[in-house]
Amino acid sequence: MAYLWLCELALKNDENQLFHLITGQDFPCKPMSYFGDLLSRHKEINYMEWFELPASHWREGGLIRFMYYYFCDWLDKKKHGKWIYRIIQLH
């Protein structure tokens, strides 16, 4: 919700056309200059999408993301994905 509020506030300035969001979970794997070049070459591409939940193309409509706590902050999903899924099943 905060992201939407910030975008709405930023859109009040006509000079703001594109937004790039980096959260605390993101770790850039390229230098910032790479992203600046990429965005300047592809100004017309929107990389963000939205859709209402439940969504048929996500498992359990995507609502599972809000119903259960995921342990990905402490467990590497690539290594411990089976354990994370088992914990969710126990919920």
PDB file of N, CA and C in Angstrom:
ATOM      1  N   MET A   1       0.813  -1.185   0.000  1.00  0.00           N
ATOM      2  CA  MET A   1       0.000   0.000   0.000  1.00  0.00           C
ATOM      3  C   MET A   1       0.864   1.259   0.000  1.00  0.00           C
ATOM      4  N   ALA A   2       1.965   1.220   0.746  1.00  0.00           N
ATOM      5  CA  ALA A   2       2.852   2.383   0.812  1.00  0.00           C
ATOM      6  C   ALA A   2       3.444   2.691  -0.555  1.00  0.00           C
ATOM      7  N   TYR A   3       3.752   1.650  -1.340  1.00  0.00           N
ATOM      8  CA  TYR A   3       4.310   1.864  -2.682  1.00  0.00           C
ATOM      9  C   TYR A   3       3.316   2.622  -3.557  1.00  0.00           C
ATOM     10  N   LEU A   4       2.068   2.221  -3.484  1.00  0.00           N
ATOM     11  CA  LEU A   4       1.045   2.896  -4.286  1.00  0.00           C
ATOM     12  C   LEU A   4       0.871   4.346  -3.865  1.00  0.00           C
ATOM     13  N   TRP A   5       0.912   4.584  -2.564  1.00  0.00           N
ATOM     14  CA  TRP A   5       0.785   5.946  -2.073  1.00  0.00           C
ATOM     15  C   TRP A   5       1.959   6.800  -2.563  1.00  0.00           C
ATOM     16  N   LEU A   6       3.184   6.240  -2.507  1.00  0.00           N
ATOM     17  CA  LEU A   6       4.354   6.979  -2.975  1.00  0.00           C
ATOM     18  C   LEU A   6       4.272   7.265  -4.470  1.00  0.00           C
ATOM     19  N   CYS A   7       3.807   6.311  -5.250  1.00  0.00           N
ATOM     20  CA  CYS A   7       3.648   6.528  -6.698  1.00  0.00           C
ATOM     21  C   CYS A   7       2.605   7.614  -6.959  1.00  0.00           C
ATOM     22  N   GLU A   8       1.506   7.568  -6.236  1.00  0.00           N
ATOM     23  CA  GLU A   8       0.471   8.583  -6.414  1.00  0.00           C
ATOM     24  C   GLU A   8       1.014   9.973  -6.092  1.00  0.00           C
ATOM     25  N   LEU A   9       1.772  10.064  -5.024  1.00  0.00           N
ATOM     26  CA  LEU A   9       2.371  11.334  -4.640  1.00  0.00           C
ATOM     27  C   LEU A   9       3.376  11.806  -5.693  1.00  0.00           C
ATOM     28  N   ALA A  10       4.206  10.898  -6.196  1.00  0.00           N
ATOM     29  CA  ALA A  10       5.212  11.245  -7.196  1.00  0.00           C
ATOM     30  C   ALA A  10       4.576  11.670  -8.518  1.00  0.00           C
ATOM     31  N   LEU A  11       3.434  11.099  -8.852  1.00  0.00           N
ATOM     32  CA  LEU A  11       2.772  11.440 -10.117  1.00  0.00           C
ATOM     33  C   LEU A  11       2.162  12.841 -10.120  1.00  0.00           C
ATOM     34  N   LYS A  12       2.097  13.458  -8.976  1.00  0.00           N
ATOM     35  CA  LYS A  12       1.616  14.840  -8.933  1.00  0.00           C
ATOM     36  C   LYS A  12       2.598  15.789  -9.608  1.00  0.00           C
ATOM     37  N   ASN A  13       3.847  15.354  -9.753  1.00  0.00           N
ATOM     38  CA  ASN A  13       4.866  16.118 -10.475  1.00  0.00           C
ATOM     39  C   ASN A  13       4.930  15.560 -11.893  1.00  0.00           C
ATOM     40  N   ASP A  14       4.600  16.378 -12.892  1.00  0.00           N
ATOM     41  CA  ASP A  14       4.546  15.918 -14.290  1.00  0.00           C
ATOM     42  C   ASP A  14       5.885  15.423 -14.825  1.00  0.00           C
ATOM     43  N   GLU A  15       6.995  15.827 -14.212  1.00  0.00           N
ATOM     44  CA  GLU A  15       8.312  15.386 -14.673  1.00  0.00           C
ATOM     45  C   GLU A  15       8.565  13.915 -14.351  1.00  0.00           C
ATOM     46  N   ASN A  16       7.890  13.390 -13.369  1.00  0.00           N
ATOM     47  CA  ASN A  16       8.063  11.983 -12.980  1.00  0.00           C
ATOM     48  C   ASN A  16       7.237  11.092 -13.895  1.00  0.00           C
ATOM     49  N   GLN A  17       7.899  10.259 -14.650  1.00  0.00           N
ATOM     50  CA  GLN A  17       7.227   9.364 -15.588  1.00  0.00           C
ATOM     51  C   GLN A  17       7.445   7.895 -15.255  1.00  0.00           C
ATOM     52  N   LEU A  18       8.633   7.562 -14.795  1.00  0.00           N
ATOM     53  CA  LEU A  18       8.991   6.170 -14.517  1.00  0.00           C
ATOM     54  C   LEU A  18       9.439   6.046 -13.072  1.00  0.00           C
ATOM     55  N   PHE A  19       9.201   4.877 -12.513  1.00  0.00           N
ATOM     56  CA  PHE A  19       9.601   4.625 -11.134  1.00  0.00           C
ATOM     57  C   PHE A  19      10.360   3.305 -11.070  1.00  0.00           C
ATOM     58  N   HIS A  20      11.354   3.296 -10.236  1.00  0.00           N
ATOM     59  CA  HIS A  20      12.127   2.076 -10.009  1.00  0.00           C
ATOM     60  C   HIS A  20      12.105   1.817  -8.515  1.00  0.00           C
ATOM     61  N   LEU A  21      11.682   0.640  -8.134  1.00  0.00           N
ATOM     62  CA  LEU A  21      11.534   0.306  -6.723  1.00  0.00           C
ATOM     63  C   LEU A  21      12.547  -0.762  -6.344  1.00  0.00           C
ATOM     64  N   ILE A  22      13.369  -0.458  -5.368  1.00  0.00           N
ATOM     65  CA  ILE A  22      14.280  -1.447  -4.791  1.00  0.00           C
ATOM     66  C   ILE A  22      13.891  -1.575  -3.327  1.00  0.00           C
ATOM     67  N   THR A  23      13.540  -2.775  -2.921  1.00  0.00           N
ATOM     68  CA  THR A  23      13.137  -3.011  -1.537  1.00  0.00           C
ATOM     69  C   THR A  23      14.323  -3.523  -0.732  1.00  0.00           C
ATOM     70  N   GLY A  24      14.120  -3.724   0.531  1.00  0.00           N
ATOM     71  CA  GLY A  24      15.159  -4.259   1.394  1.00  0.00           C
ATOM     72  C   GLY A  24      15.525  -5.688   1.049  1.00  0.00           C
ATOM     73  N   GLN A  25      14.691  -6.374   0.280  1.00  0.00           N
ATOM     74  CA  GLN A  25      14.958  -7.750  -0.121  1.00  0.00           C
ATOM     75  C   GLN A  25      15.800  -7.832  -1.390  1.00  0.00           C
ATOM     76  N   ASP A  26      15.959  -6.715  -2.080  1.00  0.00           N
ATOM     77  CA  ASP A  26      16.671  -6.706  -3.360  1.00  0.00           C
ATOM     78  C   ASP A  26      18.157  -6.476  -3.157  1.00  0.00           C
ATOM     79  N   PHE A  27      18.934  -7.149  -3.990  1.00  0.00           N
ATOM     80  CA  PHE A  27      20.381  -6.974  -3.980  1.00  0.00           C
ATOM     81  C   PHE A  27      20.829  -6.792  -5.423  1.00  0.00           C
ATOM     82  N   PRO A  28      21.161  -5.568  -5.821  1.00  0.00           N
ATOM     83  CA  PRO A  28      21.571  -5.348  -7.217  1.00  0.00           C
ATOM     84  C   PRO A  28      22.818  -6.168  -7.570  1.00  0.00           C
ATOM     85  N   CYS A  29      22.754  -6.862  -8.675  1.00  0.00           N
ATOM     86  CA  CYS A  29      23.869  -7.710  -9.105  1.00  0.00           C
ATOM     87  C   CYS A  29      24.689  -7.045 -10.208  1.00  0.00           C
ATOM     88  N   LYS A  30      24.325  -5.848 -10.573  1.00  0.00           N
ATOM     89  CA  LYS A  30      25.034  -5.081 -11.598  1.00  0.00           C
ATOM     90  C   LYS A  30      25.263  -3.676 -11.049  1.00  0.00           C
ATOM     91  N   PRO A  31      26.238  -2.949 -11.612  1.00  0.00           N
ATOM     92  CA  PRO A  31      26.451  -1.568 -11.170  1.00  0.00           C
ATOM     93  C   PRO A  31      25.237  -0.694 -11.499  1.00  0.00           C
ATOM     94  N   MET A  32      25.049   0.364 -10.742  1.00  0.00           N
ATOM     95  CA  MET A  32      23.913   1.254 -10.954  1.00  0.00           C
ATOM     96  C   MET A  32      23.921   1.851 -12.361  1.00  0.00           C
ATOM     97  N   SER A  33      25.097   2.051 -12.934  1.00  0.00           N
ATOM     98  CA  SER A  33      25.181   2.597 -14.291  1.00  0.00           C
ATOM     99  C   SER A  33      24.500   1.666 -15.298  1.00  0.00           C
ATOM    100  N   TYR A  34      24.560   0.352 -15.064  1.00  0.00           N
ATOM    101  CA  TYR A  34      23.911  -0.617 -15.938  1.00  0.00           C
ATOM    102  C   TYR A  34      22.398  -0.366 -15.965  1.00  0.00           C
ATOM    103  N   PHE A  35      21.817  -0.166 -14.787  1.00  0.00           N
ATOM    104  CA  PHE A  35      20.370   0.048 -14.706  1.00  0.00           C
ATOM    105  C   PHE A  35      19.982   1.380 -15.344  1.00  0.00           C
ATOM    106  N   GLY A  36      20.806   2.407 -15.136  1.00  0.00           N
ATOM    107  CA  GLY A  36      20.529   3.694 -15.765  1.00  0.00           C
ATOM    108  C   GLY A  36      20.538   3.588 -17.276  1.00  0.00           C
ATOM    109  N   ASP A  37      21.525   2.885 -17.828  1.00  0.00           N
ATOM    110  CA  ASP A  37      21.591   2.680 -19.278  1.00  0.00           C
ATOM    111  C   ASP A  37      20.398   1.873 -19.776  1.00  0.00           C
ATOM    112  N   LEU A  38      20.061   0.823 -19.069  1.00  0.00           N
ATOM    113  CA  LEU A  38      18.942  -0.035 -19.463  1.00  0.00           C
ATOM    114  C   LEU A  38      17.632   0.759 -19.506  1.00  0.00           C
ATOM    115  N   LEU A  39      17.383   1.517 -18.468  1.00  0.00           N
ATOM    116  CA  LEU A  39      16.133   2.272 -18.406  1.00  0.00           C
ATOM    117  C   LEU A  39      16.093   3.402 -19.433  1.00  0.00           C
ATOM    118  N   SER A  40      17.245   3.984 -19.752  1.00  0.00           N
ATOM    119  CA  SER A  40      17.238   5.056 -20.755  1.00  0.00           C
ATOM    120  C   SER A  40      17.004   4.501 -22.163  1.00  0.00           C
ATOM    121  N   ARG A  41      17.406   3.248 -22.408  1.00  0.00           N
ATOM    122  CA  ARG A  41      17.188   2.633 -23.726  1.00  0.00           C
ATOM    123  C   ARG A  41      15.778   2.075 -23.881  1.00  0.00           C
ATOM    124  N   HIS A  42      15.113   1.770 -22.799  1.00  0.00           N
ATOM    125  CA  HIS A  42      13.794   1.120 -22.856  1.00  0.00           C
ATOM    126  C   HIS A  42      12.763   1.950 -22.109  1.00  0.00           C
ATOM    127  N   LYS A  43      12.657   3.205 -22.440  1.00  0.00           N
ATOM    128  CA  LYS A  43      11.770   4.119 -21.715  1.00  0.00           C
ATOM    129  C   LYS A  43      10.297   3.757 -21.830  1.00  0.00           C
ATOM    130  N   GLU A  44       9.901   3.103 -22.892  1.00  0.00           N
ATOM    131  CA  GLU A  44       8.479   2.820 -23.114  1.00  0.00           C
ATOM    132  C   GLU A  44       8.017   1.495 -22.523  1.00  0.00           C
ATOM    133  N   ILE A  45       8.929   0.741 -21.956  1.00  0.00           N
ATOM    134  CA  ILE A  45       8.573  -0.581 -21.431  1.00  0.00           C
ATOM    135  C   ILE A  45       8.193  -0.469 -19.965  1.00  0.00           C
ATOM    136  N   ASN A  46       7.059  -1.028 -19.624  1.00  0.00           N
ATOM    137  CA  ASN A  46       6.598  -1.079 -18.243  1.00  0.00           C
ATOM    138  C   ASN A  46       6.877  -2.489 -17.731  1.00  0.00           C
ATOM    139  N   TYR A  47       7.716  -2.599 -16.730  1.00  0.00           N
ATOM    140  CA  TYR A  47       8.086  -3.902 -16.197  1.00  0.00           C
ATOM    141  C   TYR A  47       7.216  -4.332 -15.022  1.00  0.00           C
ATOM    142  N   MET A  48       6.227  -3.528 -14.668  1.00  0.00           N
ATOM    143  CA  MET A  48       5.380  -3.840 -13.538  1.00  0.00           C
ATOM    144  C   MET A  48       3.985  -4.202 -14.032  1.00  0.00           C
ATOM    145  N   GLU A  49       3.407  -5.197 -13.400  1.00  0.00           N
ATOM    146  CA  GLU A  49       2.040  -5.569 -13.727  1.00  0.00           C
ATOM    147  C   GLU A  49       1.260  -5.738 -12.430  1.00  0.00           C
ATOM    148  N   TRP A  50      -0.014  -5.739 -12.545  1.00  0.00           N
ATOM    149  CA  TRP A  50      -0.868  -5.982 -11.395  1.00  0.00           C
ATOM    150  C   TRP A  50      -2.079  -6.768 -11.846  1.00  0.00           C
ATOM    151  N   PHE A  51      -2.671  -7.455 -10.918  1.00  0.00           N
ATOM    152  CA  PHE A  51      -3.899  -8.196 -11.177  1.00  0.00           C
ATOM    153  C   PHE A  51      -4.557  -8.472  -9.837  1.00  0.00           C
ATOM    154  N   GLU A  52      -5.840  -8.704  -9.904  1.00  0.00           N
ATOM    155  CA  GLU A  52      -6.597  -8.957  -8.682  1.00  0.00           C
ATOM    156  C   GLU A  52      -6.351 -10.377  -8.192  1.00  0.00           C
ATOM    157  N   LEU A  53      -6.414 -10.524  -6.884  1.00  0.00           N
ATOM    158  CA  LEU A  53      -6.318 -11.845  -6.273  1.00  0.00           C
ATOM    159  C   LEU A  53      -7.706 -12.267  -5.829  1.00  0.00           C
ATOM    160  N   PRO A  54      -8.028 -13.510  -5.876  1.00  0.00           N
ATOM    161  CA  PRO A  54      -7.208 -14.632  -6.305  1.00  0.00           C
ATOM    162  C   PRO A  54      -7.000 -14.648  -7.817  1.00  0.00           C
ATOM    163  N   ALA A  55      -5.808 -15.105  -8.216  1.00  0.00           N
ATOM    164  CA  ALA A  55      -5.425 -15.172  -9.627  1.00  0.00           C
ATOM    165  C   ALA A  55      -5.270 -16.636 -10.025  1.00  0.00           C
ATOM    166  N   SER A  56      -5.865 -17.014 -11.119  1.00  0.00           N
ATOM    167  CA  SER A  56      -5.886 -18.425 -11.525  1.00  0.00           C
ATOM    168  C   SER A  56      -4.505 -18.957 -11.894  1.00  0.00           C
ATOM    169  N   HIS A  57      -3.569 -18.086 -12.254  1.00  0.00           N
ATOM    170  CA  HIS A  57      -2.257 -18.569 -12.679  1.00  0.00           C
ATOM    171  C   HIS A  57      -1.271 -18.725 -11.510  1.00  0.00           C
ATOM    172  N   TRP A  58      -1.693 -18.499 -10.273  1.00  0.00           N
ATOM    173  CA  TRP A  58      -0.862 -18.720  -9.097  1.00  0.00           C
ATOM    174  C   TRP A  58      -1.459 -19.820  -8.249  1.00  0.00           C
ATOM    175  N   ARG A  59      -0.601 -20.596  -7.616  1.00  0.00           N
ATOM    176  CA  ARG A  59      -1.054 -21.669  -6.733  1.00  0.00           C
ATOM    177  C   ARG A  59      -1.933 -21.078  -5.635  1.00  0.00           C
ATOM    178  N   GLU A  60      -3.066 -21.694  -5.415  1.00  0.00           N
ATOM    179  CA  GLU A  60      -4.068 -21.261  -4.441  1.00  0.00           C
ATOM    180  C   GLU A  60      -4.450 -19.796  -4.637  1.00  0.00           C
ATOM    181  N   GLY A  61      -4.393 -19.363  -5.893  1.00  0.00           N
ATOM    182  CA  GLY A  61      -4.810 -18.010  -6.241  1.00  0.00           C
ATOM    183  C   GLY A  61      -3.866 -16.918  -5.789  1.00  0.00           C
ATOM    184  N   GLY A  62      -2.704 -17.292  -5.207  1.00  0.00           N
ATOM    185  CA  GLY A  62      -1.749 -16.309  -4.712  1.00  0.00           C
ATOM    186  C   GLY A  62      -2.021 -15.877  -3.282  1.00  0.00           C
ATOM    187  N   LEU A  63      -3.158 -16.276  -2.743  1.00  0.00           N
ATOM    188  CA  LEU A  63      -3.526 -15.865  -1.389  1.00  0.00           C
ATOM    189  C   LEU A  63      -2.650 -16.514  -0.331  1.00  0.00           C
ATOM    190  N   ILE A  64      -2.030 -17.630  -0.675  1.00  0.00           N
ATOM    191  CA  ILE A  64      -1.154 -18.325   0.273  1.00  0.00           C
ATOM    192  C   ILE A  64      -0.020 -17.416   0.738  1.00  0.00           C
ATOM    193  N   ARG A  65       0.365 -16.462  -0.105  1.00  0.00           N
ATOM    194  CA  ARG A  65       1.442 -15.534   0.259  1.00  0.00           C
ATOM    195  C   ARG A  65       1.058 -14.663   1.452  1.00  0.00           C
ATOM    196  N   PHE A  66      -0.212 -14.461   1.689  1.00  0.00           N
ATOM    197  CA  PHE A  66      -0.673 -13.624   2.789  1.00  0.00           C
ATOM    198  C   PHE A  66      -1.138 -14.443   3.986  1.00  0.00           C
ATOM    199  N   MET A  67      -1.385 -15.715   3.768  1.00  0.00           N
ATOM    200  CA  MET A  67      -1.944 -16.551   4.818  1.00  0.00           C
ATOM    201  C   MET A  67      -0.877 -17.157   5.730  1.00  0.00           C
ATOM    202  N   TYR A  68       0.334 -17.372   5.197  1.00  0.00           N
ATOM    203  CA  TYR A  68       1.357 -18.077   5.947  1.00  0.00           C
ATOM    204  C   TYR A  68       2.652 -17.285   5.999  1.00  0.00           C
ATOM    205  N   TYR A  69       3.423 -17.543   7.038  1.00  0.00           N
ATOM    206  CA  TYR A  69       4.732 -16.910   7.175  1.00  0.00           C
ATOM    207  C   TYR A  69       5.757 -17.754   6.425  1.00  0.00           C
ATOM    208  N   TYR A  70       6.562 -17.117   5.626  1.00  0.00           N
ATOM    209  CA  TYR A  70       7.605 -17.819   4.880  1.00  0.00           C
ATOM    210  C   TYR A  70       8.952 -17.608   5.565  1.00  0.00           C
ATOM    211  N   PHE A  71       9.727 -18.642   5.651  1.00  0.00           N
ATOM    212  CA  PHE A  71      10.992 -18.602   6.357  1.00  0.00           C
ATOM    213  C   PHE A  71      12.179 -18.324   5.440  1.00  0.00           C
ATOM    214  N   CYS A  72      11.925 -17.675   4.332  1.00  0.00           N
ATOM    215  CA  CYS A  72      12.983 -17.424   3.349  1.00  0.00           C
ATOM    216  C   CYS A  72      14.041 -16.453   3.858  1.00  0.00           C
ATOM    217  N   ASP A  73      13.718 -15.665   4.882  1.00  0.00           N
ATOM    218  CA  ASP A  73      14.719 -14.763   5.442  1.00  0.00           C
ATOM    219  C   ASP A  73      15.809 -15.537   6.181  1.00  0.00           C
ATOM    220  N   TRP A  74      15.461 -16.705   6.712  1.00  0.00           N
ATOM    221  CA  TRP A  74      16.431 -17.491   7.466  1.00  0.00           C
ATOM    222  C   TRP A  74      16.909 -18.725   6.721  1.00  0.00           C
ATOM    223  N   LEU A  75      16.113 -19.227   5.826  1.00  0.00           N
ATOM    224  CA  LEU A  75      16.463 -20.435   5.082  1.00  0.00           C
ATOM    225  C   LEU A  75      16.567 -20.110   3.601  1.00  0.00           C
ATOM    226  N   ASP A  76      17.614 -20.581   2.970  1.00  0.00           N
ATOM    227  CA  ASP A  76      17.783 -20.400   1.525  1.00  0.00           C
ATOM    228  C   ASP A  76      16.766 -21.288   0.814  1.00  0.00           C
ATOM    229  N   LYS A  77      15.863 -20.681   0.053  1.00  0.00           N
ATOM    230  CA  LYS A  77      14.794 -21.444  -0.583  1.00  0.00           C
ATOM    231  C   LYS A  77      15.338 -22.477  -1.566  1.00  0.00           C
ATOM    232  N   LYS A  78      16.455 -22.167  -2.225  1.00  0.00           N
ATOM    233  CA  LYS A  78      17.027 -23.131  -3.175  1.00  0.00           C
ATOM    234  C   LYS A  78      17.526 -24.378  -2.459  1.00  0.00           C
ATOM    235  N   LYS A  79      18.063 -24.208  -1.263  1.00  0.00           N
ATOM    236  CA  LYS A  79      18.590 -25.351  -0.515  1.00  0.00           C
ATOM    237  C   LYS A  79      17.532 -26.021   0.352  1.00  0.00           C
ATOM    238  N   HIS A  80      16.619 -25.213   0.910  1.00  0.00           N
ATOM    239  CA  HIS A  80      15.677 -25.721   1.912  1.00  0.00           C
ATOM    240  C   HIS A  80      14.221 -25.574   1.503  1.00  0.00           C
ATOM    241  N   GLY A  81      13.971 -25.491   0.197  1.00  0.00           N
ATOM    242  CA  GLY A  81      12.602 -25.295  -0.293  1.00  0.00           C
ATOM    243  C   GLY A  81      11.633 -26.358   0.189  1.00  0.00           C
ATOM    244  N   LYS A  82      12.092 -27.604   0.239  1.00  0.00           N
ATOM    245  CA  LYS A  82      11.214 -28.685   0.711  1.00  0.00           C
ATOM    246  C   LYS A  82      10.799 -28.470   2.156  1.00  0.00           C
ATOM    247  N   TRP A  83      11.733 -28.005   3.001  1.00  0.00           N
ATOM    248  CA  TRP A  83      11.422 -27.783   4.407  1.00  0.00           C
ATOM    249  C   TRP A  83      10.462 -26.614   4.575  1.00  0.00           C
ATOM    250  N   ILE A  84      10.675 -25.564   3.804  1.00  0.00           N
ATOM    251  CA  ILE A  84       9.772 -24.415   3.879  1.00  0.00           C
ATOM    252  C   ILE A  84       8.360 -24.845   3.502  1.00  0.00           C
ATOM    253  N   TYR A  85       8.230 -25.629   2.435  1.00  0.00           N
ATOM    254  CA  TYR A  85       6.906 -26.091   2.004  1.00  0.00           C
ATOM    255  C   TYR A  85       6.275 -26.992   3.066  1.00  0.00           C
ATOM    256  N   ARG A  86       7.066 -27.833   3.708  1.00  0.00           N
ATOM    257  CA  ARG A  86       6.537 -28.704   4.777  1.00  0.00           C
ATOM    258  C   ARG A  86       6.033 -27.896   5.962  1.00  0.00           C
ATOM    259  N   ILE A  87       6.792 -26.847   6.318  1.00  0.00           N
ATOM    260  CA  ILE A  87       6.352 -25.991   7.430  1.00  0.00           C
ATOM    261  C   ILE A  87       5.030 -25.324   7.084  1.00  0.00           C
ATOM    262  N   ILE A  88       4.900 -24.875   5.836  1.00  0.00           N
ATOM    263  CA  ILE A  88       3.647 -24.244   5.401  1.00  0.00           C
ATOM    264  C   ILE A  88       2.498 -25.239   5.478  1.00  0.00           C
ATOM    265  N   GLN A  89       2.755 -26.500   5.091  1.00  0.00           N
ATOM    266  CA  GLN A  89       1.714 -27.522   5.171  1.00  0.00           C
ATOM    267  C   GLN A  89       1.255 -27.744   6.609  1.00  0.00           C
ATOM    268  N   LEU A  90       2.187 -27.609   7.569  1.00  0.00           N
ATOM    269  CA  LEU A  90       1.829 -27.778   8.981  1.00  0.00           C
ATOM    270  C   LEU A  90       0.966 -26.646   9.491  1.00  0.00           C
ATOM    271  N   HIS A  91       1.078 -25.476   8.886  1.00  0.00           N
ATOM    272  CA  HIS A  91       0.228 -24.343   9.285  1.00  0.00           C
ATOM    273  C   HIS A  91      -1.213 -24.775   9.204  1.00  0.00           C
TER     274      HIS A  91
END
